[in-house]
PDB file of N, CA and C in Angstrom:
ATOM      1  N   MET A   1     103.284  93.829  85.154  1.00  0.00           N
ATOM      2  CA  MET A   1     102.307  92.961  84.519  1.00  0.00           C
ATOM      3  C   MET A   1     101.344  92.421  85.579  1.00  0.00           C
ATOM      4  N   HIS A   2     100.113  92.219  85.177  1.00  0.00           N
ATOM      5  CA  HIS A   2      99.076  91.723  86.084  1.00  0.00           C
ATOM      6  C   HIS A   2      99.131  90.202  86.162  1.00  0.00           C
ATOM      7  N   ASP A   3      99.251  89.675  87.390  1.00  0.00           N
ATOM      8  CA  ASP A   3      99.346  88.234  87.605  1.00  0.00           C
ATOM      9  C   ASP A   3      98.013  87.619  88.004  1.00  0.00           C
ATOM     10  N   GLY A   4      96.927  88.379  87.901  1.00  0.00           N
ATOM     11  CA  GLY A   4      95.651  87.855  88.365  1.00  0.00           C
ATOM     12  C   GLY A   4      95.729  87.576  89.853  1.00  0.00           C
ATOM     13  N   CYS A   5      95.131  86.517  90.295  1.00  0.00           N
ATOM     14  CA  CYS A   5      95.138  86.174  91.716  1.00  0.00           C
ATOM     15  C   CYS A   5      96.323  85.310  92.101  1.00  0.00           C
ATOM     16  N   SER A   6      97.213  85.060  91.178  1.00  0.00           N
ATOM     17  CA  SER A   6      98.362  84.204  91.484  1.00  0.00           C
ATOM     18  C   SER A   6      99.584  85.001  91.939  1.00  0.00           C
ATOM     19  N   GLY A   7      99.457  86.324  92.020  1.00  0.00           N
ATOM     20  CA  GLY A   7     100.593  87.149  92.437  1.00  0.00           C
ATOM     21  C   GLY A   7     101.052  86.817  93.845  1.00  0.00           C
ATOM     22  N   ASN A   8     102.364  86.794  94.037  1.00  0.00           N
ATOM     23  CA  ASN A   8     102.969  86.507  95.331  1.00  0.00           C
ATOM     24  C   ASN A   8     103.767  87.722  95.765  1.00  0.00           C
ATOM     25  N   PHE A   9     103.600  88.164  96.998  1.00  0.00           N
ATOM     26  CA  PHE A   9     104.282  89.356  97.478  1.00  0.00           C
ATOM     27  C   PHE A   9     105.035  89.041  98.756  1.00  0.00           C
ATOM     28  N   SER A  10     106.259  89.547  98.837  1.00  0.00           N
ATOM     29  CA  SER A  10     107.063  89.293 100.033  1.00  0.00           C
ATOM     30  C   SER A  10     107.037  90.467 101.006  1.00  0.00           C
ATOM     31  N   SER A  11     106.455  91.602 100.581  1.00  0.00           N
ATOM     32  CA  SER A  11     106.398  92.748 101.481  1.00  0.00           C
ATOM     33  C   SER A  11     105.148  93.585 101.206  1.00  0.00           C
ATOM     34  N   GLY A  12     104.748  94.323 102.219  1.00  0.00           N
ATOM     35  CA  GLY A  12     103.617  95.224 102.076  1.00  0.00           C
ATOM     36  C   GLY A  12     103.879  96.320 101.061  1.00  0.00           C
ATOM     37  N   LYS A  13     105.137  96.739 100.943  1.00  0.00           N
ATOM     38  CA  LYS A  13     105.483  97.774  99.960  1.00  0.00           C
ATOM     39  C   LYS A  13     105.204  97.288  98.542  1.00  0.00           C
ATOM     40  N   GLN A  14     105.443  96.004  98.283  1.00  0.00           N
ATOM     41  CA  GLN A  14     105.147  95.435  96.961  1.00  0.00           C
ATOM     42  C   GLN A  14     103.634  95.438  96.707  1.00  0.00           C
ATOM     43  N   VAL A  15     102.861  95.123  97.730  1.00  0.00           N
ATOM     44  CA  VAL A  15     101.403  95.116  97.586  1.00  0.00           C
ATOM     45  C   VAL A  15     100.903  96.529  97.292  1.00  0.00           C
ATOM     46  N   VAL A  16     101.419  97.521  98.021  1.00  0.00           N
ATOM     47  CA  VAL A  16     101.027  98.916  97.790  1.00  0.00           C
ATOM     48  C   VAL A  16     101.364  99.333  96.363  1.00  0.00           C
ATOM     49  N   ALA A  17     102.555  99.009  95.900  1.00  0.00           N
ATOM     50  CA  ALA A  17     102.957  99.366  94.535  1.00  0.00           C
ATOM     51  C   ALA A  17     102.010  98.742  93.513  1.00  0.00           C
ATOM     52  N   LYS A  18     101.653  97.490  93.708  1.00  0.00           N
ATOM     53  CA  LYS A  18     100.751  96.791  92.790  1.00  0.00           C
ATOM     54  C   LYS A  18      99.362  97.422  92.810  1.00  0.00           C
ATOM     55  N   LEU A  19      98.852  97.701  94.005  1.00  0.00           N
ATOM     56  CA  LEU A  19      97.528  98.321  94.114  1.00  0.00           C
ATOM     57  C   LEU A  19      97.497  99.663  93.396  1.00  0.00           C
ATOM     58  N   ARG A  20      98.521 100.474  93.609  1.00  0.00           N
ATOM     59  CA  ARG A  20      98.563 101.803  92.973  1.00  0.00           C
ATOM     60  C   ARG A  20      98.680 101.681  91.467  1.00  0.00           C
ATOM     61  N   MET A  21      99.489 100.731  91.012  1.00  0.00           N
ATOM     62  CA  MET A  21      99.671 100.526  89.573  1.00  0.00           C
ATOM     63  C   MET A  21      98.345 100.123  88.914  1.00  0.00           C
ATOM     64  N   MET A  22      97.581  99.282  89.599  1.00  0.00           N
ATOM     65  CA  MET A  22      96.324  98.786  89.042  1.00  0.00           C
ATOM     66  C   MET A  22      95.139  99.720  89.329  1.00  0.00           C
ATOM     67  N   GLY A  23      95.343 100.725  90.180  1.00  0.00           N
ATOM     68  CA  GLY A  23      94.278 101.666  90.495  1.00  0.00           C
ATOM     69  C   GLY A  23      93.285 101.162  91.533  1.00  0.00           C
ATOM     70  N   PHE A  24      93.690 100.176  92.343  1.00  0.00           N
ATOM     71  CA  PHE A  24      92.801  99.606  93.354  1.00  0.00           C
ATOM     72  C   PHE A  24      93.034 100.172  94.754  1.00  0.00           C
ATOM     73  N   ASP A  25      94.048 100.993  94.936  1.00  0.00           N
ATOM     74  CA  ASP A  25      94.444 101.436  96.280  1.00  0.00           C
ATOM     75  C   ASP A  25      93.343 102.136  97.054  1.00  0.00           C
ATOM     76  N   LYS A  26      92.501 102.910  96.407  1.00  0.00           N
ATOM     77  CA  LYS A  26      91.459 103.666  97.108  1.00  0.00           C
ATOM     78  C   LYS A  26      90.085 103.001  97.013  1.00  0.00           C
ATOM     79  N   GLN A  27      90.017 101.839  96.392  1.00  0.00           N
ATOM     80  CA  GLN A  27      88.731 101.145  96.264  1.00  0.00           C
ATOM     81  C   GLN A  27      88.334 100.490  97.584  1.00  0.00           C
ATOM     82  N   ALA A  28      87.040 100.462  97.820  1.00  0.00           N
ATOM     83  CA  ALA A  28      86.513  99.879  99.057  1.00  0.00           C
ATOM     84  C   ALA A  28      86.669  98.362  99.064  1.00  0.00           C
ATOM     85  N   MET A  29      87.036  97.843 100.227  1.00  0.00           N
ATOM     86  CA  MET A  29      87.095  96.394 100.396  1.00  0.00           C
ATOM     87  C   MET A  29      85.672  95.861 100.463  1.00  0.00           C
ATOM     88  N   PRO A  30      85.422  94.653  99.941  1.00  0.00           N
ATOM     89  CA  PRO A  30      84.067  94.096  99.996  1.00  0.00           C
ATOM     90  C   PRO A  30      83.584  93.903 101.439  1.00  0.00           C
ATOM     91  N   VAL A  31      84.492  93.506 102.313  1.00  0.00           N
ATOM     92  CA  VAL A  31      84.188  93.361 103.736  1.00  0.00           C
ATOM     93  C   VAL A  31      85.317  94.037 104.513  1.00  0.00           C
ATOM     94  N   PRO A  32      85.029  95.143 105.212  1.00  0.00           N
ATOM     95  CA  PRO A  32      86.073  95.817 105.990  1.00  0.00           C
ATOM     96  C   PRO A  32      86.712  94.865 107.011  1.00  0.00           C
ATOM     97  N   ALA A  33      87.978  95.084 107.275  1.00  0.00           N
ATOM     98  CA  ALA A  33      88.721  94.232 108.214  1.00  0.00           C
ATOM     99  C   ALA A  33      89.059  95.034 109.471  1.00  0.00           C
ATOM    100  N   THR A  34      88.673  94.533 110.621  1.00  0.00           N
ATOM    101  CA  THR A  34      88.984  95.178 111.891  1.00  0.00           C
ATOM    102  C   THR A  34      90.068  94.367 112.585  1.00  0.00           C
ATOM    103  N   PHE A  35      91.156  95.054 112.951  1.00  0.00           N
ATOM    104  CA  PHE A  35      92.285  94.377 113.589  1.00  0.00           C
ATOM    105  C   PHE A  35      93.094  95.384 114.391  1.00  0.00           C
ATOM    106  N   LYS A  36      94.052  94.882 115.148  1.00  0.00           N
ATOM    107  CA  LYS A  36      94.908  95.727 115.973  1.00  0.00           C
ATOM    108  C   LYS A  36      96.116  96.166 115.142  1.00  0.00           C
ATOM    109  N   CYS A  37      96.328  97.476 115.064  1.00  0.00           N
ATOM    110  CA  CYS A  37      97.469  98.046 114.356  1.00  0.00           C
ATOM    111  C   CYS A  37      98.745  97.778 115.152  1.00  0.00           C
ATOM    112  N   GLU A  38      99.876  97.951 114.500  1.00  0.00           N
ATOM    113  CA  GLU A  38     101.171  97.814 115.164  1.00  0.00           C
ATOM    114  C   GLU A  38     101.301  98.757 116.358  1.00  0.00           C
ATOM    115  N   CYS A  39     100.563  99.882 116.330  1.00  0.00           N
ATOM    116  CA  CYS A  39     100.634 100.859 117.423  1.00  0.00           C
ATOM    117  C   CYS A  39      99.754 100.467 118.606  1.00  0.00           C
ATOM    118  N   GLY A  40      98.971  99.399 118.442  1.00  0.00           N
ATOM    119  CA  GLY A  40      98.128  98.924 119.530  1.00  0.00           C
ATOM    120  C   GLY A  40      96.677  99.342 119.446  1.00  0.00           C
ATOM    121  N   ASN A  41      96.342 100.265 118.562  1.00  0.00           N
ATOM    122  CA  ASN A  41      94.962 100.712 118.404  1.00  0.00           C
ATOM    123  C   ASN A  41      94.203  99.772 117.471  1.00  0.00           C
ATOM    124  N   THR A  42      92.921  99.598 117.738  1.00  0.00           N
ATOM    125  CA  THR A  42      92.066  98.810 116.854  1.00  0.00           C
ATOM    126  C   THR A  42      91.613  99.709 115.713  1.00  0.00           C
ATOM    127  N   ILE A  43      91.786  99.229 114.472  1.00  0.00           N
ATOM    128  CA  ILE A  43      91.396  99.996 113.289  1.00  0.00           C
ATOM    129  C   ILE A  43      90.503  99.130 112.404  1.00  0.00           C
ATOM    130  N   THR A  44      89.751  99.785 111.547  1.00  0.00           N
ATOM    131  CA  THR A  44      88.933  99.086 110.564  1.00  0.00           C
ATOM    132  C   THR A  44      89.392  99.520 109.181  1.00  0.00           C
ATOM    133  N   MET A  45      90.004  98.598 108.471  1.00  0.00           N
ATOM    134  CA  MET A  45      90.524  98.838 107.121  1.00  0.00           C
ATOM    135  C   MET A  45      89.352  98.761 106.151  1.00  0.00           C
ATOM    136  N   THR A  46      89.074  99.859 105.452  1.00  0.00           N
ATOM    137  CA  THR A  46      87.915  99.923 104.564  1.00  0.00           C
ATOM    138  C   THR A  46      88.285  99.958 103.089  1.00  0.00           C
ATOM    139  N   THR A  47      89.563 100.259 102.791  1.00  0.00           N
ATOM    140  CA  THR A  47      90.035 100.284 101.413  1.00  0.00           C
ATOM    141  C   THR A  47      91.233  99.346 101.291  1.00  0.00           C
ATOM    142  N   PHE A  48      91.574  98.949 100.071  1.00  0.00           N
ATOM    143  CA  PHE A  48      92.653  97.984  99.867  1.00  0.00           C
ATOM    144  C   PHE A  48      94.008  98.508 100.339  1.00  0.00           C
ATOM    145  N   GLU A  49      94.194  99.805 100.322  1.00  0.00           N
ATOM    146  CA  GLU A  49      95.354 100.451 100.961  1.00  0.00           C
ATOM    147  C   GLU A  49      94.783 101.346 102.044  1.00  0.00           C
ATOM    148  N   TYR A  50      95.276 101.224 103.260  1.00  0.00           N
ATOM    149  CA  TYR A  50      94.689 101.958 104.385  1.00  0.00           C
ATOM    150  C   TYR A  50      95.784 102.440 105.317  1.00  0.00           C
ATOM    151  N   LYS A  51      95.673 103.697 105.739  1.00  0.00           N
ATOM    152  CA  LYS A  51      96.644 104.271 106.676  1.00  0.00           C
ATOM    153  C   LYS A  51      96.002 104.405 108.052  1.00  0.00           C
ATOM    154  N   CYS A  52      96.674 103.877 109.061  1.00  0.00           N
ATOM    155  CA  CYS A  52      96.185 103.991 110.436  1.00  0.00           C
ATOM    156  C   CYS A  52      96.094 105.477 110.797  1.00  0.00           C
ATOM    157  N   PRO A  53      94.920 105.933 111.247  1.00  0.00           N
ATOM    158  CA  PRO A  53      94.769 107.342 111.598  1.00  0.00           C
ATOM    159  C   PRO A  53      95.502 107.727 112.886  1.00  0.00           C
ATOM    160  N   HIS A  54      95.950 106.746 113.642  1.00  0.00           N
ATOM    161  CA  HIS A  54      96.624 107.010 114.905  1.00  0.00           C
ATOM    162  C   HIS A  54      98.134 107.164 114.748  1.00  0.00           C
ATOM    163  N   CYS A  55      98.745 106.345 113.894  1.00  0.00           N
ATOM    164  CA  CYS A  55     100.216 106.353 113.807  1.00  0.00           C
ATOM    165  C   CYS A  55     100.770 106.472 112.389  1.00  0.00           C
ATOM    166  N   GLY A  56      99.934 106.335 111.370  1.00  0.00           N
ATOM    167  CA  GLY A  56     100.396 106.479 109.994  1.00  0.00           C
ATOM    168  C   GLY A  56     100.915 105.204 109.350  1.00  0.00           C
ATOM    169  N   THR A  57     100.812 104.063 110.022  1.00  0.00           N
ATOM    170  CA  THR A  57     101.236 102.803 109.405  1.00  0.00           C
ATOM    171  C   THR A  57     100.284 102.475 108.261  1.00  0.00           C
ATOM    172  N   VAL A  58     100.854 102.111 107.119  1.00  0.00           N
ATOM    173  CA  VAL A  58     100.071 101.782 105.932  1.00  0.00           C
ATOM    174  C   VAL A  58      99.926 100.268 105.834  1.00  0.00           C
ATOM    175  N   TYR A  59      98.693  99.825 105.573  1.00  0.00           N
ATOM    176  CA  TYR A  59      98.392  98.410 105.379  1.00  0.00           C
ATOM    177  C   TYR A  59      97.837  98.223 103.977  1.00  0.00           C
ATOM    178  N   ALA A  60      98.061  97.040 103.415  1.00  0.00           N
ATOM    179  CA  ALA A  60      97.586  96.778 102.063  1.00  0.00           C
ATOM    180  C   ALA A  60      97.254  95.300 101.890  1.00  0.00           C
ATOM    181  N   VAL A  61      96.279  95.069 101.014  1.00  0.00           N
ATOM    182  CA  VAL A  61      95.910  93.709 100.627  1.00  0.00           C
ATOM    183  C   VAL A  61      95.344  93.783  99.209  1.00  0.00           C
ATOM    184  N   THR A  62      95.640  92.784  98.391  1.00  0.00           N
ATOM    185  CA  THR A  62      95.093  92.768  97.040  1.00  0.00           C
ATOM    186  C   THR A  62      93.625  92.351  97.090  1.00  0.00           C
ATOM    187  N   PRO A  63      92.837  92.778  96.100  1.00  0.00           N
ATOM    188  CA  PRO A  63      91.425  92.391  96.075  1.00  0.00           C
ATOM    189  C   PRO A  63      91.231  90.870  96.125  1.00  0.00           C
ATOM    190  N   CYS A  64      92.060  90.130  95.425  1.00  0.00           N
ATOM    191  CA  CYS A  64      91.928  88.668  95.388  1.00  0.00           C
ATOM    192  C   CYS A  64      92.165  88.022  96.743  1.00  0.00           C
ATOM    193  N   HIS A  65      92.940  88.675  97.590  1.00  0.00           N
ATOM    194  CA  HIS A  65      93.316  88.081  98.870  1.00  0.00           C
ATOM    195  C   HIS A  65      92.642  88.741 100.073  1.00  0.00           C
ATOM    196  N   SER A  66      91.708  89.654  99.811  1.00  0.00           N
ATOM    197  CA  SER A  66      91.095  90.416 100.901  1.00  0.00           C
ATOM    198  C   SER A  66      90.084  89.615 101.716  1.00  0.00           C
ATOM    199  N   PHE A  67      89.775  88.407 101.290  1.00  0.00           N
ATOM    200  CA  PHE A  67      88.815  87.571 102.023  1.00  0.00           C
ATOM    201  C   PHE A  67      89.375  87.052 103.343  1.00  0.00           C
ATOM    202  N   ASP A  68      90.703  87.127 103.499  1.00  0.00           N
ATOM    203  CA  ASP A  68      91.360  86.575 104.685  1.00  0.00           C
ATOM    204  C   ASP A  68      92.289  87.635 105.280  1.00  0.00           C
ATOM    205  N   GLN A  69      92.006  88.062 106.510  1.00  0.00           N
ATOM    206  CA  GLN A  69      92.804  89.103 107.162  1.00  0.00           C
ATOM    207  C   GLN A  69      94.276  88.748 107.289  1.00  0.00           C
ATOM    208  N   SER A  70      94.618  87.481 107.272  1.00  0.00           N
ATOM    209  CA  SER A  70      96.026  87.096 107.395  1.00  0.00           C
ATOM    210  C   SER A  70      96.839  87.534 106.179  1.00  0.00           C
ATOM    211  N   ASN A  71      96.171  87.939 105.101  1.00  0.00           N
ATOM    212  CA  ASN A  71      96.865  88.409 103.900  1.00  0.00           C
ATOM    213  C   ASN A  71      97.186  89.903 103.947  1.00  0.00           C
ATOM    214  N   ILE A  72      96.666  90.620 104.923  1.00  0.00           N
ATOM    215  CA  ILE A  72      96.930  92.056 105.047  1.00  0.00           C
ATOM    216  C   ILE A  72      98.375  92.233 105.512  1.00  0.00           C
ATOM    217  N   MET A  73      99.101  93.104 104.802  1.00  0.00           N
ATOM    218  CA  MET A  73     100.518  93.317 105.107  1.00  0.00           C
ATOM    219  C   MET A  73     100.777  94.777 105.456  1.00  0.00           C
ATOM    220  N   SER A  74     101.704  94.987 106.378  1.00  0.00           N
ATOM    221  CA  SER A  74     102.132  96.336 106.726  1.00  0.00           C
ATOM    222  C   SER A  74     103.178  96.788 105.714  1.00  0.00           C
ATOM    223  N   ALA A  75     103.060  98.042 105.289  1.00  0.00           N
ATOM    224  CA  ALA A  75     104.022  98.613 104.344  1.00  0.00           C
ATOM    225  C   ALA A  75     104.865  99.690 105.010  1.00  0.00           C
ATOM    226  N   GLY A  76     104.789  99.787 106.335  1.00  0.00           N
ATOM    227  CA  GLY A  76     105.561 100.807 107.044  1.00  0.00           C
ATOM    228  C   GLY A  76     104.751 102.067 107.246  1.00  0.00           C
ATOM    229  N   LYS A  77     105.399 103.056 107.810  1.00  0.00           N
ATOM    230  CA  LYS A  77     104.718 104.309 108.133  1.00  0.00           C
ATOM    231  C   LYS A  77     104.764 105.297 106.973  1.00  0.00           C
ATOM    232  N   ASP A  78     103.615 105.955 106.772  1.00  0.00           N
ATOM    233  CA  ASP A  78     103.472 107.041 105.800  1.00  0.00           C
ATOM    234  C   ASP A  78     104.044 106.713 104.437  1.00  0.00           C
ATOM    235  N   ASP A  79     103.832 105.488 103.967  1.00  0.00           N
ATOM    236  CA  ASP A  79     104.359 105.092 102.654  1.00  0.00           C
ATOM    237  C   ASP A  79     103.501 105.643 101.541  1.00  0.00           C
TER     238      ASP A  79
END
């Protein structure tokens, strides 16, 4: 079920599942987020679900929470 912007997630895997269920995983973020990946490389996340091209770590953020990089969560590698 869709919780609007009140959804709470305890893991990146939950965020990825929600994005895929709602069809937002491949949609462009309004403002791309540039940050350091777990592998140490700087990446620019351009979609709500994004895989690091260097190591395969998947990151995700819901559209409602994409305004703040602190909401981006790691979902592990090649999820």
